[in-house]
C-alpha cells in the first residue's frame, strides 16, 4: 500500500521507518490470516469433521469452544514473549512468534479428521490451536512496537494503526480464500480436502514474513533503553507492581474492540446461514466487503488521531457501536442480501475502525519503554480473553437459551461498550507527548 508522508525521529531515516512499517504490516497480516482462517473454517467444517454430534447446535458450540480456548492461552504467550521482547529485543521475539504460529497452522491443514483417528482428531486440533494462541499472544505487541517506536509524536497514530490493518488483511485473506474455494469446489470436495489448501499454503507467507523481519534492526527506543541499562529484570513483576492501573485500563478498553468484532466478523457467518437462511457465499461476501472498507478506514482514523487525539476517536467509535447493536440485528433479520451486507459494512467496516485504529497507539502511550511490550501485551490479551474468542460462544449460547432471539446478543454488544467507556474514562490522552 502507498504510505503517506511521515515524520520520524532525527536518527531514523524515512526509508528505515517505512521498512519497519511494512515489516510490521506484513508479519501482522500473516499471523492474523492464520488465526482468522481457523475462525472461518470452524463454523463451516470443524463442526462436522472434528466435533461430530447429532445436535448441530452442540457441534457448533464445541467448534466455538476450540476457537475460544486459545484466547485464554494468549495471555500466557503474551507473558512469555513480552518478557523476551522487553529483555532481549522486539526483533528476536517477532521471529519466534511467527515461526510458532506458522508451523501450527500448516499442521492443522494436515490433520486427519474424526472418522480417521477418532477422539485424537479434536485433541490434536485443540493442541495446535493453543500453539497458535501462544504465538499470537506475543505477536501483536511486538508488531505494534516495531511500528510505533520508529515514529514520533506527530506520526504515532498513523504508525500505530498500520499493524491493525494486518488484522483486517489477515481476515480478508482468510475469508477470501474460503470464498474462492467454496465457489469453485463442490460441497463434497471442499469438505473432503479443499479446506486444507489455505492452511498448507500459508507456509509460503510465513517464509516471506521471516525473511523481511530478519532484515530489521531493533527499534530506537529499545536500543536506547538497553544502552542506558533501563531494562527490567522481570518485566511482568514491574508491570503488575507499578503499572497495574494502566493494565486494567487496557483490559477494559480492549473489550469493545474485540467482542463486537468477532460478532460482526465471525459469528455472523454461522448466524446468517443457520438461523436466518442466508446463502453461505452471501454471508462470506458481506464480511469480505466489510473488511475491505475497514482496511481503508483504519489508517485514515489513525492519521486523524494525530490531529484530534486518541481518546475522542475511541469514545466516538464505542458510543456508535453501542447505539448500533439493535439496528444491526434488525437489518440482518430482514433476510435481504443487501441488508446483510449493509449491516455488516456499517458495523465492521465503519464503526469498529476508529476504535481499533487508536487502541494500540493509546496502549503504547501509557507504558514506559522498559515494560511497554509486557504492558500492552498483557492488557490486550487479557481483554481479548474476556471478550474475544468467547464472543461467538456466548452469542451462540444466548441464542440457544432464548429461543433464537437476537436481543440478548445485542445486549451483549451494549455491555462490552459500557465496560470500555468506563475504562477509558480513567485514561489520559497522551497524543501530543513524547513516549516516556
Protein backbone atom coordinates (compact mmCIF):
# COMPACT_ATOMS: atom_id res chain seq x y z
CA UNK A 1 0.00 0.00 0.00
CA UNK A 2 1.14 3.59 -0.62
CA UNK A 3 2.14 5.24 2.63
CA UNK A 4 1.58 8.87 3.45
CA UNK A 5 4.48 11.29 4.08
CA UNK A 6 5.83 10.54 7.54
CA UNK A 7 7.83 12.31 10.19
CA UNK A 8 10.32 10.29 12.19
CA UNK A 9 12.92 10.72 14.83
CA UNK A 10 16.04 12.53 13.51
CA UNK A 11 18.20 9.41 13.98
CA UNK A 12 15.84 7.32 11.87
CA UNK A 13 15.63 7.83 8.12
CA UNK A 14 12.28 7.68 6.35
CA UNK A 15 13.49 4.62 4.45
CA UNK A 16 14.21 2.68 7.63
CA UNK A 17 10.98 3.78 9.27
CA UNK A 18 8.98 2.77 6.18
CA UNK A 19 10.72 -0.62 6.14
CA UNK A 20 9.79 -1.18 9.76
CA UNK A 21 6.22 -0.17 8.99
CA UNK A 22 6.00 -2.63 6.09
CA UNK A 23 7.56 -5.42 8.17
CA UNK A 24 5.06 -4.76 10.92
CA UNK A 25 2.17 -4.86 8.47
CA UNK A 26 3.22 -7.99 6.59
CA UNK A 27 4.07 -10.00 9.68
CA UNK A 28 0.85 -9.00 11.39
CA UNK A 29 -1.18 -9.84 8.28
CA UNK A 30 0.32 -13.32 8.08
CA UNK A 31 -0.26 -14.04 11.75
CA UNK A 32 -3.88 -12.93 11.63
CA UNK A 33 -4.53 -14.74 8.34
CA UNK A 34 -3.55 -17.97 10.05
CA UNK A 35 -5.70 -17.17 13.05
CA UNK A 36 -8.84 -16.00 11.26
CA UNK A 37 -8.67 -18.81 8.75
CA UNK A 38 -9.45 -21.14 11.63
CA UNK A 39 -12.32 -18.94 12.78
CA UNK A 40 -13.92 -19.02 9.33
CA UNK A 41 -13.48 -22.77 8.86
CA UNK A 42 -14.63 -23.57 12.42
CA UNK A 43 -18.31 -22.95 11.72
CA UNK A 44 -18.22 -24.43 8.19
CA UNK A 45 -16.06 -27.54 8.52
CA UNK A 46 -14.83 -28.43 12.00
CA UNK A 47 -18.36 -28.73 13.39
CA UNK A 48 -18.82 -31.78 11.14
CA UNK A 49 -15.33 -33.23 10.67
CA UNK A 50 -13.79 -32.81 14.12
CA UNK A 51 -16.73 -32.37 16.51
CA UNK A 52 -19.48 -34.62 15.14
CA UNK A 53 -22.73 -34.51 17.12
CA UNK A 54 -26.37 -35.30 16.37
CA UNK A 55 -27.37 -31.88 17.67
CA UNK A 56 -25.99 -29.20 15.27
CA UNK A 57 -26.10 -26.53 17.98
CA UNK A 58 -23.91 -28.66 20.27
CA UNK A 59 -21.50 -29.31 17.40
CA UNK A 60 -21.29 -25.59 16.67
CA UNK A 61 -20.73 -24.81 20.35
CA UNK A 62 -17.89 -27.36 20.51
CA UNK A 63 -16.20 -25.85 17.46
CA UNK A 64 -16.50 -22.40 19.04
CA UNK A 65 -15.01 -23.76 22.27
CA UNK A 66 -11.95 -24.76 20.24
CA UNK A 67 -11.98 -21.23 18.82
CA UNK A 68 -12.31 -19.61 22.26
CA UNK A 69 -9.80 -21.71 24.23
CA UNK A 70 -6.65 -20.19 22.69
CA UNK A 71 -7.81 -16.75 23.79
CA UNK A 72 -7.09 -17.89 27.33
CA UNK A 73 -3.71 -19.23 26.19
CA UNK A 74 -2.84 -15.92 24.53
CA UNK A 75 -2.08 -14.12 27.84
CA UNK A 76 0.41 -16.90 28.67
CA UNK A 77 2.06 -16.48 25.26
CA UNK A 78 1.99 -12.76 25.82
CA UNK A 79 3.80 -13.07 29.17
CA UNK A 80 6.44 -15.42 27.75
CA UNK A 81 7.23 -13.47 24.60
CA UNK A 82 6.82 -10.00 26.04
CA UNK A 83 9.42 -10.96 28.66
CA UNK A 84 11.79 -11.81 25.82
CA UNK A 85 10.76 -8.66 23.96
CA UNK A 86 11.47 -6.36 26.91
CA UNK A 87 14.68 -8.19 27.88
CA UNK A 88 16.26 -9.31 24.58
CA UNK A 89 14.54 -7.27 21.90
CA UNK A 90 11.47 -6.81 19.70
CA UNK A 91 13.01 -8.33 16.55
CA UNK A 92 14.06 -11.66 18.10
CA UNK A 93 10.64 -12.12 19.63
CA UNK A 94 8.78 -11.43 16.39
CA UNK A 95 10.76 -14.08 14.51
CA UNK A 96 9.90 -16.64 17.20
CA UNK A 97 6.17 -15.85 17.28
CA UNK A 98 5.79 -16.01 13.51
CA UNK A 99 7.58 -19.38 13.34
CA UNK A 100 5.41 -20.85 16.09
CA UNK A 101 2.18 -19.57 14.58
CA UNK A 102 3.01 -20.62 11.03
CA UNK A 103 4.07 -24.13 11.95
CA UNK A 104 0.87 -24.83 13.88
CA UNK A 105 -1.27 -23.55 11.00
CA UNK A 106 0.36 -25.81 8.41
CA UNK A 107 -0.06 -28.83 10.69
CA UNK A 108 -3.79 -28.09 11.13
CA UNK A 109 -4.15 -28.44 7.38
CA UNK A 110 -2.55 -31.89 7.57
CA UNK A 111 -4.67 -33.30 10.43
CA UNK A 112 -6.81 -36.40 9.82
CA UNK A 113 -10.46 -35.96 10.84
CA UNK A 114 -12.62 -37.69 13.47
CA UNK A 115 -13.60 -40.56 11.17
CA UNK A 116 -9.93 -41.38 10.63
CA UNK A 117 -8.46 -41.23 14.16
CA UNK A 118 -11.43 -40.73 16.45
CA UNK A 119 -11.10 -38.58 19.55
CA UNK A 120 -7.47 -37.79 18.75
CA UNK A 121 -8.65 -35.52 15.94
CA UNK A 122 -10.25 -32.86 18.17
CA UNK A 123 -7.48 -33.27 20.77
CA UNK A 124 -4.74 -32.59 18.22
CA UNK A 125 -6.75 -29.77 16.67
CA UNK A 126 -7.19 -28.01 20.01
CA UNK A 127 -3.50 -28.56 20.85
CA UNK A 128 -2.37 -26.89 17.62
CA UNK A 129 -4.91 -24.16 18.16
CA UNK A 130 -3.39 -23.48 21.58
CA UNK A 131 0.07 -23.28 19.99
CA UNK A 132 -1.39 -20.68 17.65
CA UNK A 133 -2.62 -18.85 20.72
CA UNK A 134 0.87 -18.80 22.23
CA UNK A 135 2.31 -17.31 19.05
CA UNK A 136 -0.33 -14.66 18.52
CA UNK A 137 -0.12 -13.78 22.22
CA UNK A 138 3.34 -12.34 21.68
CA UNK A 139 2.94 -11.19 18.08
CA UNK A 140 0.59 -8.25 18.36
CA UNK A 141 2.58 -6.28 20.93
CA UNK A 142 5.82 -6.76 19.02
CA UNK A 143 4.35 -5.73 15.67
CA UNK A 144 2.79 -2.69 17.29
CA UNK A 145 6.03 -1.57 18.97
CA UNK A 146 8.00 -2.18 15.81
CA UNK A 147 5.85 0.47 14.14
CA UNK A 148 5.26 2.92 16.98
CA UNK A 149 8.82 3.03 18.33
CA UNK A 150 10.08 4.10 14.90
CA UNK A 151 7.69 7.08 14.86
CA UNK A 152 7.44 10.38 16.74
CA UNK A 153 4.51 12.10 18.41
CA UNK A 154 3.35 13.70 15.15
CA UNK A 155 3.00 10.40 13.27
CA UNK A 156 2.44 7.92 16.09
CA UNK A 157 -1.27 7.46 15.48
CA UNK A 158 -0.75 6.63 11.81
CA UNK A 159 2.17 4.29 12.52
CA UNK A 160 0.23 2.54 15.30
CA UNK A 161 -2.76 1.96 13.04
CA UNK A 162 -0.76 0.06 10.41
CA UNK A 163 -0.34 -3.19 12.42
CA UNK A 164 -4.11 -3.06 12.96
CA UNK A 165 -4.58 -3.22 9.20
CA UNK A 166 -2.81 -6.56 9.47
CA UNK A 167 -5.85 -7.79 11.40
CA UNK A 168 -8.24 -6.89 8.59
CA UNK A 169 -5.90 -8.00 5.79
CA UNK A 170 -5.39 -11.33 7.54
CA UNK A 171 -9.12 -11.73 7.95
CA UNK A 172 -9.67 -10.71 4.33
CA UNK A 173 -7.20 -13.29 3.07
CA UNK A 174 -8.75 -15.98 5.26
CA UNK A 175 -12.32 -15.20 4.24
CA UNK A 176 -11.44 -14.67 0.58
CA UNK A 177 -9.58 -17.96 0.32
CA UNK A 178 -12.55 -19.86 1.72
CA UNK A 179 -14.97 -17.93 -0.53
CA UNK A 180 -12.99 -18.86 -3.64
CA UNK A 181 -12.74 -22.50 -2.63
CA UNK A 182 -16.45 -22.83 -1.82
CA UNK A 183 -17.24 -21.24 -5.19
CA UNK A 184 -15.04 -23.40 -7.42
CA UNK A 185 -15.39 -26.66 -5.48
CA UNK A 186 -18.45 -28.74 -4.72
CA UNK A 187 -19.52 -29.07 -1.09
CA UNK A 188 -18.17 -32.61 -1.03
CA UNK A 189 -14.78 -31.57 -2.42
CA UNK A 190 -14.49 -28.64 -0.05
CA UNK A 191 -15.36 -30.75 2.99
CA UNK A 192 -13.08 -33.59 1.91
CA UNK A 193 -9.85 -31.75 1.05
CA UNK A 194 -10.47 -28.21 -0.20
CA UNK A 195 -10.50 -26.56 3.23
CA UNK A 196 -6.93 -27.80 3.84
CA UNK A 197 -5.36 -25.84 0.95
CA UNK A 198 -5.08 -22.36 2.56
CA UNK A 199 -3.70 -23.85 5.80
CA UNK A 200 -0.89 -25.64 3.97
CA UNK A 201 -0.10 -22.81 1.54
CA UNK A 202 0.26 -20.38 4.45
CA UNK A 203 3.80 -21.77 4.80
CA UNK A 204 4.82 -19.61 1.83
CA UNK A 205 3.60 -16.47 3.57
CA UNK A 206 5.43 -17.40 6.77
CA UNK A 207 8.76 -17.71 4.93
CA UNK A 208 8.17 -14.30 3.36
CA UNK A 209 7.47 -12.73 6.74
CA UNK A 210 10.54 -14.28 8.35
CA UNK A 211 12.78 -13.04 5.54
CA UNK A 212 11.54 -9.45 5.93
CA UNK A 213 11.76 -9.38 9.72
CA UNK A 214 15.29 -10.79 9.86
CA UNK A 215 16.49 -7.81 7.84
CA UNK A 216 15.43 -5.30 10.51
CA UNK A 217 17.32 -3.77 13.40
CA UNK A 218 15.95 -3.23 16.91
CA UNK A 219 13.75 -0.17 17.47
CA UNK A 220 15.49 3.09 18.51
CA UNK A 221 13.54 3.23 21.78
CA UNK A 222 14.62 -0.28 22.83
CA UNK A 223 18.26 0.28 21.81
CA UNK A 224 18.35 3.46 23.86
CA UNK A 225 16.85 1.70 26.87
CA UNK A 226 19.33 -1.16 26.61
CA UNK A 227 22.34 1.13 26.21
CA UNK A 228 21.29 3.12 29.28
CA UNK A 229 20.71 -0.03 31.32
CA UNK A 230 17.00 0.73 31.68
CA UNK A 231 15.87 -2.87 31.10
CA UNK A 232 13.52 -4.54 33.55
CA UNK A 233 14.89 -7.69 35.18
CA UNK A 234 11.45 -9.30 35.39
CA UNK A 235 9.10 -7.16 33.25
CA UNK A 236 5.88 -8.86 34.34
CA UNK A 237 6.60 -8.13 38.03
CA UNK A 238 7.44 -4.49 37.39
CA UNK A 239 4.36 -4.12 35.18
CA UNK A 240 1.99 -5.52 37.79
CA UNK A 241 3.65 -3.61 40.63
CA UNK A 242 3.97 -0.16 39.07
CA UNK A 243 1.61 -0.14 36.06
CA UNK A 244 -1.41 -2.14 37.24
CA UNK A 245 -3.80 0.77 36.68
CA UNK A 246 -2.66 1.07 33.07
CA UNK A 247 -3.11 -2.69 32.61
CA UNK A 248 -6.69 -2.51 33.93
CA UNK A 249 -7.45 0.41 31.60
CA UNK A 250 -6.06 -1.55 28.65
CA UNK A 251 -8.07 -4.68 29.55
CA UNK A 252 -11.30 -2.72 29.78
CA UNK A 253 -10.63 -0.70 26.65
CA UNK A 254 -9.93 -3.85 24.64
CA UNK A 255 -13.35 -5.37 25.39
CA UNK A 256 -15.36 -3.25 22.91
CA UNK A 257 -12.68 -3.58 20.25
CA UNK A 258 -12.71 -7.37 20.31
CA UNK A 259 -16.21 -8.59 21.36
CA UNK A 260 -18.25 -6.80 18.66
CA UNK A 261 -15.51 -7.53 16.12
CA UNK A 262 -16.00 -11.29 16.47
CA UNK A 263 -19.77 -10.85 16.38
CA UNK A 264 -19.65 -8.77 13.19
CA UNK A 265 -16.89 -10.80 11.54
CA UNK A 266 -17.07 -14.43 12.72
CA UNK A 267 -20.33 -15.23 14.50
CA UNK A 268 -22.38 -13.57 11.75
CA UNK A 269 -21.35 -16.24 9.22
CA UNK A 270 -22.91 -19.06 11.23
CA UNK A 271 -25.84 -16.92 12.44
CA UNK A 272 -26.77 -15.68 8.97
CA UNK A 273 -26.59 -19.10 7.35
CA UNK A 274 -28.01 -21.35 10.06
CA UNK A 275 -30.51 -19.05 11.79
CA UNK A 276 -31.56 -16.54 9.11
CA UNK A 277 -31.42 -18.67 5.96
CA UNK A 278 -28.78 -16.74 4.01
CA UNK A 279 -26.56 -18.48 1.48
CA UNK A 280 -23.06 -19.14 2.80
CA UNK A 281 -21.45 -17.21 -0.05
CA UNK A 282 -23.58 -14.15 0.70
CA UNK A 283 -22.51 -14.15 4.36
CA UNK A 284 -18.85 -14.55 3.43
CA UNK A 285 -19.11 -11.77 0.85
CA UNK A 286 -20.67 -9.44 3.42
CA UNK A 287 -17.70 -9.94 5.73
CA UNK A 288 -15.22 -9.63 2.86
CA UNK A 289 -16.64 -6.29 1.69
CA UNK A 290 -16.75 -5.00 5.27
CA UNK A 291 -13.12 -5.91 5.89
CA UNK A 292 -12.10 -4.11 2.69
CA UNK A 293 -13.84 -0.97 3.94
CA UNK A 294 -12.19 -1.30 7.37
CA UNK A 295 -8.76 -1.72 5.77
CA UNK A 296 -9.16 1.71 4.16
CA UNK A 297 -10.75 3.34 7.20
CA UNK A 298 -8.20 2.26 9.82
CA UNK A 299 -5.15 4.22 8.59
CA UNK A 300 -7.39 7.23 7.92
CA UNK A 301 -8.60 7.09 11.52
CA UNK A 302 -5.03 6.63 12.77
CA UNK A 303 -3.93 9.71 10.85
CA UNK A 304 -6.92 11.65 12.17
CA UNK A 305 -5.97 10.71 15.75
CA UNK A 306 -2.66 12.53 15.26
CA UNK A 307 -4.72 15.70 14.85
CA UNK A 308 -7.66 15.30 17.25
CA UNK A 309 -6.27 12.83 19.79
CA UNK A 310 -6.77 9.14 20.51
CA UNK A 311 -9.42 9.39 23.23
CA UNK A 312 -12.10 11.37 21.29
CA UNK A 313 -11.99 8.91 18.38
CA UNK A 314 -12.12 5.90 20.68
CA UNK A 315 -15.10 7.26 22.63
CA UNK A 316 -16.94 8.22 19.44
CA UNK A 317 -16.49 4.74 17.95
CA UNK A 318 -17.52 3.00 21.16
CA UNK A 319 -20.71 5.05 21.56
CA UNK A 320 -21.55 4.40 17.91
CA UNK A 321 -21.17 0.63 18.37
CA UNK A 322 -23.38 0.78 21.47
CA UNK A 323 -26.15 2.60 19.59
CA UNK A 324 -25.86 0.31 16.58
CA UNK A 325 -26.24 -3.04 18.40
CA UNK A 326 -30.02 -3.32 17.97
CA UNK A 327 -30.28 -1.79 14.45
CA UNK A 328 -27.56 -4.23 13.32
CA UNK A 329 -29.52 -7.36 14.18
CA UNK A 330 -32.75 -5.82 12.91
CA UNK A 331 -31.15 -5.28 9.49
CA UNK A 332 -29.84 -8.86 9.45
CA UNK A 333 -33.30 -10.19 10.40
CA UNK A 334 -34.82 -8.63 7.26
CA UNK A 335 -33.34 -11.63 5.37
CA UNK A 336 -32.31 -9.48 2.43
CA UNK A 337 -28.84 -9.99 0.96
CA UNK A 338 -28.47 -6.22 0.62
CA UNK A 339 -29.48 -5.56 4.23
CA UNK A 340 -26.98 -8.17 5.49
CA UNK A 341 -24.15 -6.55 3.53
CA UNK A 342 -25.09 -3.02 4.63
CA UNK A 343 -25.44 -4.09 8.27
CA UNK A 344 -22.02 -5.74 8.29
CA UNK A 345 -20.28 -2.90 6.44
CA UNK A 346 -21.59 -0.32 8.92
CA UNK A 347 -20.65 -2.38 11.99
CA UNK A 348 -17.33 -3.91 10.96
CA UNK A 349 -16.18 -1.58 8.22
CA UNK A 350 -17.06 1.84 9.63
CA UNK A 351 -17.94 1.93 13.34
CA UNK A 352 -15.29 -0.51 14.52
CA UNK A 353 -12.48 1.22 12.56
CA UNK A 354 -11.81 4.25 14.81
CA UNK A 355 -11.70 2.07 17.92
CA UNK A 356 -9.17 -0.41 16.58
CA UNK A 357 -7.15 2.28 14.79
CA UNK A 358 -6.23 4.13 18.01
CA UNK A 359 -6.27 1.26 20.50
CA UNK A 360 -2.69 0.07 20.04
CA UNK A 361 -1.15 3.53 19.96
CA UNK A 362 -3.13 4.51 23.05
CA UNK A 363 -1.75 1.45 24.85
CA UNK A 364 1.87 2.25 23.97
CA UNK A 365 1.49 5.77 25.34
CA UNK A 366 0.55 4.67 28.84
CA UNK A 367 3.55 2.35 29.42
CA UNK A 368 7.28 3.10 29.68
CA UNK A 369 9.82 1.53 27.31
CA UNK A 370 11.27 -0.99 29.78
CA UNK A 371 7.87 -2.68 30.31
CA UNK A 372 5.99 -1.49 27.21
CA UNK A 373 5.98 -4.85 25.42
CA UNK A 374 4.72 -6.57 28.57
CA UNK A 375 2.19 -3.88 29.46
CA UNK A 376 0.50 -3.55 26.06
CA UNK A 377 0.51 -7.31 25.54
CA UNK A 378 -0.90 -8.14 28.97
CA UNK A 379 -3.72 -5.61 28.68
CA UNK A 380 -4.53 -6.57 25.10
CA UNK A 381 -4.51 -10.34 25.61
CA UNK A 382 -6.44 -10.32 28.88
CA UNK A 383 -9.09 -8.14 27.25
CA UNK A 384 -9.18 -10.48 24.26
CA UNK A 385 -9.57 -13.49 26.55
CA UNK A 386 -12.54 -11.89 28.31
CA UNK A 387 -14.46 -10.78 25.22
CA UNK A 388 -12.72 -12.06 22.09
CA UNK A 389 -12.80 -15.78 21.45
CA UNK A 390 -15.70 -16.13 23.88
CA UNK A 391 -17.93 -13.79 21.84
CA UNK A 392 -19.14 -16.36 19.25
CA UNK A 393 -19.52 -18.93 22.04
CA UNK A 394 -21.54 -16.56 24.24
CA UNK A 395 -23.66 -15.40 21.31
CA UNK A 396 -24.49 -18.97 20.26
CA UNK A 397 -25.31 -19.94 23.85
CA UNK A 398 -27.60 -16.90 24.20
CA UNK A 399 -29.44 -17.80 21.02
CA UNK A 400 -29.96 -21.34 22.29
CA UNK A 401 -31.10 -20.19 25.74
CA UNK A 402 -33.54 -17.54 24.47
CA UNK A 403 -35.30 -19.33 21.63
CA UNK A 404 -33.04 -17.94 18.90
CA UNK A 405 -33.80 -14.33 19.85
CA UNK A 406 -31.05 -11.88 18.85
CA UNK A 407 -31.96 -9.35 21.57
CA UNK A 408 -29.65 -10.90 24.24
CA UNK A 409 -26.77 -10.86 21.74
CA UNK A 410 -27.40 -7.16 21.05
CA UNK A 411 -27.38 -6.52 24.80
CA UNK A 412 -24.03 -8.31 24.98
CA UNK A 413 -22.61 -5.78 22.48
CA UNK A 414 -24.05 -2.95 24.59
CA UNK A 415 -22.40 -4.40 27.71
CA UNK A 416 -18.95 -4.52 26.05
CA UNK A 417 -19.35 -0.87 25.05
CA UNK A 418 -20.27 0.24 28.58
CA UNK A 419 -17.31 -1.61 30.12
CA UNK A 420 -14.88 0.07 27.72
CA UNK A 421 -16.37 3.53 28.24
CA UNK A 422 -15.82 3.14 31.98
CA UNK A 423 -12.21 2.05 31.42
CA UNK A 424 -11.34 4.88 29.04
CA UNK A 425 -12.72 7.44 31.47
CA UNK A 426 -9.63 6.82 33.64
CA UNK A 427 -7.14 7.04 30.75
CA UNK A 428 -5.15 10.19 29.98
CA UNK A 429 -4.79 11.18 26.33
CA UNK A 430 -1.05 11.49 25.67
CA UNK A 431 -1.30 12.03 21.93
CA UNK A 432 0.84 15.18 21.97
CA UNK A 433 3.52 13.92 24.35
CA UNK A 434 6.76 12.05 23.65
CA UNK A 435 6.93 8.40 24.66
CA UNK A 436 8.17 8.06 28.27
